[in-house]
Structure formats: structure tokens, C-alpha cells
Amino acid sequence: MKRSLACCLVLAASPALLNAEPASPAKTTDNVEFSIGPDYADAPELAVKEGVPKGEIREFTMKSEDSKIYKGIAKNQPGTVPYERKVAVYIPEQLNRRKPAPFIIAQDGLGYMGVLPKVLDNLIHEKRVPAMVAIMINSGGGDSKGSQRGLEYDTVSGQYAEFIEKEVLPQIEKDSKLKFTKDPEARATMGGSSGGAAAFTMAWFHPEWYHRVLTYSGTYVDQQSPVDPKSPHGAWEYHENFIPKEKPKLIRIWLQVSENDNGSKKDEASLHNWVMANQRMAAALKAKGYQYRYVFSEGAGHTDGRVTKQTLAGALEWLWEGYPGKAGK
């Protein structure tokens, strides 16, 4: 049964949008909003296949003492608190090192180690996405307000993107003897929950760096700390004010939320209902003419791994549509 987007925005716990199909929604171009589930199956692109080259993975650690941007905070502890963040870099065998490399940044990145490299191996081999580097980077730790992760991911500003640009990318270029592209069409960013909100924030404040965004259960809610008078409702401001009131930016976004996501029973006044927030993101993006895909996952929860394993391959393929390096060009 089809439902209009408007009806879904009225009730906090309203179940979903539009078509009760397909298994790989990002591959379909006729529609932009989909409902999937409640049953899920791993996409075939997750399987390790004979004859498919495996990308190299390099891991390293970044220390807060070496950062000029994020020195470290922790809940209920005054002053600077040291931390370490893990980083893993996927480099496909097919990458042309003589040219600046396309790449994707994955927030909470080591959580995607079991899926992203396998999917990219297959998609790159089949020339469904360009050969790209994947930078899977963890936060500085903790969660939500008052934490290092919350400061990095939930702050509505360009600071986190600037940290990646000034401190992370140069270190990887030096250590891995790579050169990253400056072309925003060849740069993508992704994440789940607050990591998803951070991915969108990177592109919103620095569209000259990022045009492609993928989010699972994005935290487009009021979770910013400390409060900024320019964005008093945190990432809720994106669908409440920023997207509706500002000129469209060159951002292509694939976003998802689950039926039983965080705060699904909370009212609008809470500013903390992930289902409502993502539905309103989709409505705002649609109204302004953005290139987007929105997936509502029935019977699923917050950043549900079953959803990721079913949709990631199709989402990445859709995300990179229009890029000249795709399909071996």
C-alpha cells in the first residue's frame, strides 16, 4: 500500500514510505523513496568471490597529542583528556597511483571493516564504482553530549571536515604514498547515527570538498554540545531551517532510517525522534530538488546491520552514478 510522504511526517511513529520493494532500492532510478523489509538478506556483493582482487588494508593509530584541532574531552572529567583513534585504509589493487585517488570517508570506520572492503572489491572489479580508497576512521571515543565523539560528529560546523582535510588525509598520503583528489565529485563520505550526521555536515559546510553522502539512521536531531546559537537545535536545523531556507548545494545523498529507530515513539517537541528527523530530511531534500534516495526499513532498529548488509552495495553504486571514472571510463 502506497503512502504519501506528508502522512509520514505527521505522526512520530508512522511506519513508512511508498513502495514495498525492492531488495536493492538504490539501483532503481524511477523512484526516490522506498520501504524495505521486514525480512533481510545479505547482498551477493558481500561474498568473497574467486578471481576478484582483494584490496590492501593498512591500519594505524592517531593520538590526540598530535592533533591541533581535537585535543580530547571526556564526560565528567575537566580539562584535556588524551585519546587514540584507529584508522584503516583500504587501497584497491586497481587504483591508478599515477592519478589523484577518489575516496570515501567512513565515520566509526572500523565498524565497517567486515562489509565495506568486501563490497568495494566486488563493485570495483565489476566496474560498478570507480577504483577508490576507503578511509575507515574511528572517532576519539565516547558518545553523545559531552564526549569526544559527540564533539566531532554532532557539532554543526565545518570543523570535523577540516580535521580530515588538514590532519588525516595528509598523514595517509605520506604513509601510503598516495595523492588524494581535490575534486568534490570524486570524494564521498558516509556513516551511521552521529557518524551519518557528521558525513552530511562535512558536505554541507564544505561542498567544495564533498558532493556524495551516505547515511544510515542519521542523527539529524538535537544532540549538539555545546549549544551553538547559529544552530540551537543541532542537526535538527538541517530539515527545520537550513535545507528549506538555503540555496541547494551540490550534494547527492542516500539516507536510511529504521521503523524502530532511536526515539521512534517520542514526540516532535523532544527534537530526538530519528524516524521523524530522517523523514523530514527526505521531504526537505525533495522540496529543494536534491538528488537523493530515502529508504525506510521495516522491522529494523538503529544502524541495523541487516539493513547495511543488504543495501550497502546498491547504495554505493547509486551514490557514484555520474562519476566519469565509473564503469572503467
Protein backbone atom coordinates (compact mmCIF):
# COMPACT_ATOMS: atom_id res chain seq x y z
CA MET A 1 0.00 0.00 0.00
CA LYS A 2 1.46 3.38 -1.00
CA ARG A 3 1.52 6.27 1.40
CA SER A 4 2.36 9.89 0.79
CA LEU A 5 5.37 11.47 2.41
CA ALA A 6 3.15 14.06 4.05
CA CYS A 7 1.27 11.46 6.07
CA CYS A 8 4.51 10.06 7.37
CA LEU A 9 5.59 13.41 8.71
CA VAL A 10 2.54 13.91 10.91
CA LEU A 11 2.96 11.04 13.37
CA ALA A 12 6.19 10.34 15.17
CA ALA A 13 5.87 6.57 14.91
CA SER A 14 4.24 6.44 11.48
CA PRO A 15 5.59 3.44 9.54
CA ALA A 16 6.92 4.21 6.18
CA LEU A 17 7.01 5.43 2.72
CA LEU A 18 5.88 4.41 -0.67
CA ASN A 19 6.72 1.13 -2.39
CA ALA A 20 7.08 -2.17 -0.52
CA GLU A 21 10.05 -3.01 -2.71
CA PRO A 22 12.81 -3.54 -3.88
CA ALA A 23 15.66 -5.55 -2.35
CA SER A 24 18.26 -3.20 -3.85
CA PRO A 25 16.47 0.18 -3.87
CA ALA A 26 19.49 2.24 -4.84
CA LYS A 27 19.66 0.51 -8.24
CA THR A 28 16.23 1.84 -9.23
CA THR A 29 16.14 5.32 -10.73
CA ASP A 30 12.39 5.84 -11.34
CA ASN A 31 11.53 6.49 -7.68
CA VAL A 32 13.46 8.04 -4.82
CA GLU A 33 11.70 6.75 -1.68
CA PHE A 34 11.40 3.11 -0.69
CA SER A 35 10.23 0.81 2.07
CA ILE A 36 12.12 -2.48 2.54
CA GLY A 37 11.90 -5.41 4.96
CA PRO A 38 10.90 -6.67 7.44
CA ASP A 39 12.95 -9.63 6.18
CA TYR A 40 16.55 -9.03 5.13
CA ALA A 41 19.25 -10.95 3.30
CA ASP A 42 22.92 -10.22 2.66
CA ALA A 43 23.62 -8.76 -0.77
CA PRO A 44 25.65 -11.04 -3.08
CA GLU A 45 28.36 -8.36 -3.21
CA LEU A 46 29.31 -9.31 0.37
CA ALA A 47 30.58 -12.70 -0.74
CA VAL A 48 34.29 -13.20 -1.34
CA LYS A 49 34.48 -14.31 -4.98
CA GLU A 50 37.19 -16.22 -6.78
CA GLY A 51 39.15 -14.12 -9.23
CA VAL A 52 38.24 -10.81 -7.59
CA PRO A 53 41.33 -8.86 -6.42
CA LYS A 54 41.36 -8.02 -2.72
CA GLY A 55 42.30 -4.53 -1.70
CA GLU A 56 45.15 -3.91 0.69
CA ILE A 57 44.23 -2.71 4.18
CA ARG A 58 46.64 -0.63 6.25
CA GLU A 59 45.91 0.30 9.86
CA PHE A 60 47.39 2.96 12.10
CA THR A 61 46.63 4.98 15.23
CA MET A 62 46.29 8.73 15.64
CA LYS A 63 46.97 10.30 19.05
CA SER A 64 45.26 13.38 20.45
CA GLU A 65 48.59 14.88 21.43
CA ASP A 66 49.46 15.15 17.73
CA SER A 67 46.25 16.97 16.79
CA LYS A 68 45.95 20.74 16.62
CA ILE A 69 42.15 20.55 16.24
CA TYR A 70 40.89 17.88 18.67
CA LYS A 71 42.88 17.70 21.91
CA GLY A 72 40.40 15.47 23.72
CA ILE A 73 37.46 15.69 26.13
CA ALA A 74 35.59 13.11 28.21
CA LYS A 75 32.36 13.16 30.17
CA ASN A 76 32.56 14.32 33.78
CA GLN A 77 36.29 14.98 33.54
CA PRO A 78 37.70 18.51 33.48
CA GLY A 79 40.46 19.59 31.16
CA THR A 80 42.02 17.81 28.22
CA VAL A 81 41.79 14.02 28.21
CA PRO A 82 44.14 12.16 25.87
CA TYR A 83 42.70 9.61 23.45
CA GLU A 84 43.68 7.48 20.48
CA ARG A 85 41.71 6.84 17.29
CA LYS A 86 42.10 3.84 15.00
CA VAL A 87 42.21 4.30 11.24
CA ALA A 88 42.10 1.66 8.50
CA VAL A 89 42.82 2.46 4.86
CA TYR A 90 41.55 0.24 2.02
CA ILE A 91 43.53 0.53 -1.22
CA PRO A 92 42.21 -1.44 -4.21
CA GLU A 93 44.62 -3.25 -6.47
CA GLN A 94 43.12 -1.48 -9.50
CA LEU A 95 43.90 2.03 -8.18
CA ASN A 96 45.93 4.12 -10.62
CA ARG A 97 48.54 5.64 -8.33
CA ARG A 98 49.72 7.98 -11.07
CA LYS A 99 46.49 9.96 -10.70
CA PRO A 100 44.88 11.64 -7.68
CA ALA A 101 42.75 8.99 -5.98
CA PRO A 102 38.98 9.12 -5.46
CA PHE A 103 38.00 8.16 -1.94
CA ILE A 104 35.24 7.64 0.61
CA ILE A 105 35.48 8.51 4.31
CA ALA A 106 33.61 6.20 6.71
CA GLN A 107 32.91 7.55 10.20
CA ASP A 108 33.04 4.96 13.03
CA GLY A 109 35.03 3.31 10.29
CA LEU A 110 36.32 0.15 11.88
CA GLY A 111 32.71 -0.89 12.34
CA TYR A 112 32.53 -1.24 8.54
CA MET A 113 35.67 -3.37 8.20
CA GLY A 114 33.60 -6.51 7.73
CA VAL A 115 31.48 -5.12 4.91
CA LEU A 116 32.96 -2.12 3.10
CA PRO A 117 36.18 -3.70 1.77
CA LYS A 118 34.33 -6.80 0.51
CA VAL A 119 31.66 -4.73 -1.21
CA LEU A 120 34.23 -2.44 -2.80
CA ASP A 121 36.30 -5.40 -4.00
CA ASN A 122 33.31 -6.69 -5.94
CA LEU A 123 31.92 -3.36 -7.14
CA ILE A 124 35.31 -2.13 -8.36
CA HIS A 125 36.03 -5.44 -10.09
CA GLU A 126 32.66 -5.29 -11.87
CA LYS A 127 33.30 -1.61 -12.77
CA ARG A 128 30.13 -0.51 -10.99
CA VAL A 129 32.04 2.11 -9.00
CA PRO A 130 35.42 3.71 -9.65
CA ALA A 131 38.55 2.32 -8.02
CA MET A 132 38.66 4.31 -4.81
CA VAL A 133 40.39 4.39 -1.44
CA ALA A 134 38.22 3.85 1.64
CA ILE A 135 39.32 5.62 4.81
CA MET A 136 37.64 3.96 7.76
CA ILE A 137 38.26 6.24 10.73
CA ASN A 138 37.04 5.96 14.29
CA SER A 139 36.07 8.88 16.50
CA GLY A 140 38.03 9.94 19.53
CA GLY A 141 35.69 7.93 21.77
CA GLY A 142 32.61 8.19 23.93
CA ASP A 143 29.12 9.02 22.71
CA SER A 144 26.55 11.83 22.68
CA LYS A 145 26.81 15.13 24.53
CA GLY A 146 29.99 15.84 26.44
CA SER A 147 32.06 13.20 24.64
CA GLN A 148 34.85 13.43 22.09
CA ARG A 149 32.73 11.54 19.55
CA GLY A 150 29.81 13.86 20.20
CA LEU A 151 32.01 16.92 19.75
CA GLU A 152 33.34 15.63 16.44
CA TYR A 153 30.17 14.19 14.94
CA ASP A 154 27.26 16.21 16.37
CA THR A 155 28.77 19.69 16.09
CA VAL A 156 27.09 21.55 13.24
CA SER A 157 30.14 23.24 11.71
CA GLY A 158 32.93 22.63 9.26
CA GLN A 159 35.46 21.67 11.94
CA TYR A 160 35.36 17.90 11.52
CA ALA A 161 35.75 18.12 7.73
CA GLU A 162 38.68 20.46 8.32
CA PHE A 163 40.24 17.93 10.69
CA ILE A 164 40.00 15.27 7.98
CA GLU A 165 41.42 17.63 5.36
CA LYS A 166 44.29 19.05 7.40
CA GLU A 167 45.34 16.14 9.59
CA VAL A 168 44.02 12.80 8.34
CA LEU A 169 44.41 12.94 4.56
CA PRO A 170 47.96 14.34 4.63
CA GLN A 171 49.11 11.61 7.01
CA ILE A 172 47.66 8.87 4.79
CA GLU A 173 49.17 10.43 1.68
CA LYS A 174 52.58 10.46 3.33
CA ASP A 175 52.41 6.99 4.86
CA SER A 176 50.80 5.24 1.86
CA LYS A 177 52.46 7.24 -0.90
CA LEU A 178 49.10 8.33 -2.29
CA LYS A 179 47.76 11.57 -3.65
CA PHE A 180 44.09 12.29 -2.99
CA THR A 181 41.90 14.13 -5.47
CA LYS A 182 40.61 17.61 -4.70
CA ASP A 183 37.59 17.07 -6.98
CA PRO A 184 34.44 17.04 -4.79
CA GLU A 185 32.74 14.77 -7.37
CA ALA A 186 35.38 12.14 -6.58
CA ARG A 187 35.00 12.39 -2.80
CA ALA A 188 32.31 10.67 -0.73
CA THR A 189 31.58 10.42 2.97
CA MET A 190 29.38 8.04 4.96
CA GLY A 191 28.39 6.90 8.42
CA GLY A 192 25.65 5.72 10.72
CA SER A 193 23.91 7.52 13.58
CA SER A 194 26.01 10.55 14.61
CA GLY A 195 28.61 9.40 12.10
CA GLY A 196 25.94 9.83 9.42
CA ALA A 197 25.11 13.33 10.61
CA ALA A 198 28.84 14.09 10.55
CA ALA A 199 29.04 12.86 6.95
CA PHE A 200 26.26 15.21 5.88
CA THR A 201 27.78 18.06 7.88
CA MET A 202 31.08 17.58 6.05
CA ALA A 203 29.38 18.12 2.70
CA TRP A 204 27.04 20.85 3.90
CA PHE A 205 29.78 23.10 5.24
CA HIS A 206 32.38 22.11 2.67
CA PRO A 207 30.63 21.29 -0.62
CA GLU A 208 33.87 22.28 -2.32
CA TRP A 209 35.30 19.08 -0.82
CA TYR A 210 32.39 16.58 -0.80
CA HIS A 211 29.42 16.03 -3.11
CA ARG A 212 28.44 12.44 -2.21
CA VAL A 213 26.93 11.38 1.15
CA LEU A 214 25.54 8.09 2.51
CA THR A 215 23.87 7.85 5.93
CA TYR A 216 22.30 5.07 8.00
CA SER A 217 19.99 6.13 10.87
CA GLY A 218 21.42 9.64 10.65
CA THR A 219 21.33 11.63 13.87
CA TYR A 220 19.53 14.65 12.40
CA VAL A 221 18.30 15.52 15.89
CA ASP A 222 19.20 17.95 18.67
CA GLN A 223 22.38 16.42 20.07
CA GLN A 224 24.95 19.19 19.64
CA SER A 225 27.06 20.13 22.67
CA PRO A 226 27.97 22.82 23.48
CA VAL A 227 24.95 24.67 22.11
CA ASP A 228 25.69 27.00 19.21
CA PRO A 229 23.32 29.98 18.74
CA LYS A 230 23.76 29.60 14.97
CA SER A 231 22.22 26.11 15.21
CA PRO A 232 20.33 25.98 18.54
CA HIS A 233 18.59 22.69 17.65
CA GLY A 234 21.76 20.98 16.46
CA ALA A 235 21.40 18.79 13.37
CA TRP A 236 17.59 19.14 13.60
CA GLU A 237 18.27 22.52 12.00
CA TYR A 238 19.08 20.85 8.68
CA HIS A 239 15.49 19.88 7.93
CA GLU A 240 13.92 22.58 10.09
CA ASN A 241 15.78 25.57 8.66
CA PHE A 242 19.00 25.08 6.71
CA ILE A 243 17.89 22.96 3.74
CA PRO A 244 14.49 24.68 3.27
CA LYS A 245 15.88 28.21 3.54
CA GLU A 246 19.21 27.99 1.75
CA LYS A 247 20.08 27.66 -1.92
CA PRO A 248 20.54 23.98 -2.89
CA LYS A 249 24.09 22.69 -2.70
CA LEU A 250 25.75 20.15 -4.95
CA ILE A 251 25.16 17.23 -2.61
CA ARG A 252 23.95 13.79 -3.70
CA ILE A 253 22.67 11.83 -0.69
CA TRP A 254 21.44 8.31 0.06
CA LEU A 255 19.81 8.14 3.50
CA GLN A 256 18.05 5.46 5.55
CA VAL A 257 16.11 5.14 8.78
CA SER A 258 14.50 2.17 10.54
CA GLU A 259 10.97 1.67 11.81
CA ASN A 260 12.22 1.01 15.36
CA ASP A 261 14.99 3.57 15.27
CA ASN A 262 16.04 5.68 18.23
CA GLY A 263 13.28 7.83 19.67
CA SER A 264 10.65 6.42 17.30
CA LYS A 265 7.91 6.89 19.93
CA LYS A 266 8.96 10.38 21.00
CA ASP A 267 7.01 13.47 20.02
CA GLU A 268 8.20 16.37 17.91
CA ALA A 269 8.91 18.56 20.92
CA SER A 270 11.65 16.18 22.01
CA LEU A 271 13.69 17.00 18.87
CA HIS A 272 15.02 13.48 19.38
CA ASN A 273 13.00 11.22 17.10
CA TRP A 274 15.28 9.69 14.45
CA VAL A 275 12.38 8.45 12.29
CA MET A 276 10.73 11.85 12.13
CA ALA A 277 14.07 13.58 11.58
CA ASN A 278 15.03 11.40 8.62
CA GLN A 279 11.55 11.60 7.10
CA ARG A 280 11.78 15.36 7.29
CA MET A 281 15.26 15.31 5.80
CA ALA A 282 13.82 13.41 2.83
CA ALA A 283 10.95 15.89 2.50
CA ALA A 284 13.28 18.89 2.67
CA LEU A 285 15.68 17.41 0.13
CA LYS A 286 12.81 16.59 -2.22
CA ALA A 287 11.32 20.07 -1.96
CA LYS A 288 14.64 21.67 -2.89
CA GLY A 289 15.34 19.34 -5.79
CA TYR A 290 18.31 17.44 -4.39
CA GLN A 291 19.47 14.14 -5.87
CA TYR A 292 18.57 11.74 -3.09
CA ARG A 293 17.39 8.24 -2.20
CA TYR A 294 15.48 7.56 1.01
CA VAL A 295 15.00 4.06 2.42
CA PHE A 296 12.67 3.18 5.31
CA SER A 297 13.48 -0.22 6.83
CA GLU A 298 10.50 -2.03 8.33
CA GLY A 299 11.06 -4.12 11.44
CA ALA A 300 14.64 -2.87 11.82
CA GLY A 301 16.46 -0.91 14.52
CA HIS A 302 19.09 1.77 14.83
CA THR A 303 22.00 1.28 12.41
CA ASP A 304 20.74 -2.26 11.88
CA GLY A 305 23.48 -4.46 10.44
CA ARG A 306 20.97 -6.49 8.45
CA VAL A 307 19.99 -3.36 6.56
CA THR A 308 23.58 -2.36 5.91
CA LYS A 309 24.48 -5.79 4.55
CA GLN A 310 21.50 -5.78 2.19
CA THR A 311 21.74 -2.21 0.92
CA LEU A 312 25.36 -1.01 1.03
CA ALA A 313 26.36 -2.28 -2.42
CA GLY A 314 23.35 -0.74 -4.16
CA ALA A 315 23.70 2.47 -2.16
CA LEU A 316 27.33 2.90 -3.19
CA GLU A 317 26.54 2.16 -6.81
CA TRP A 318 23.80 4.79 -6.86
CA LEU A 319 25.97 7.25 -4.93
CA TRP A 320 28.67 7.16 -7.59
CA GLU A 321 26.36 7.47 -10.58
CA GLY A 322 27.51 10.23 -12.93
CA TYR A 323 31.15 9.97 -11.94
CA PRO A 324 33.30 9.73 -15.11
CA GLY A 325 35.61 7.13 -13.62
CA LYS A 326 32.74 4.67 -13.09
CA ALA A 327 32.40 1.58 -15.27
CA GLY A 328 36.01 1.75 -16.34
CA LYS A 329 35.73 5.08 -18.14
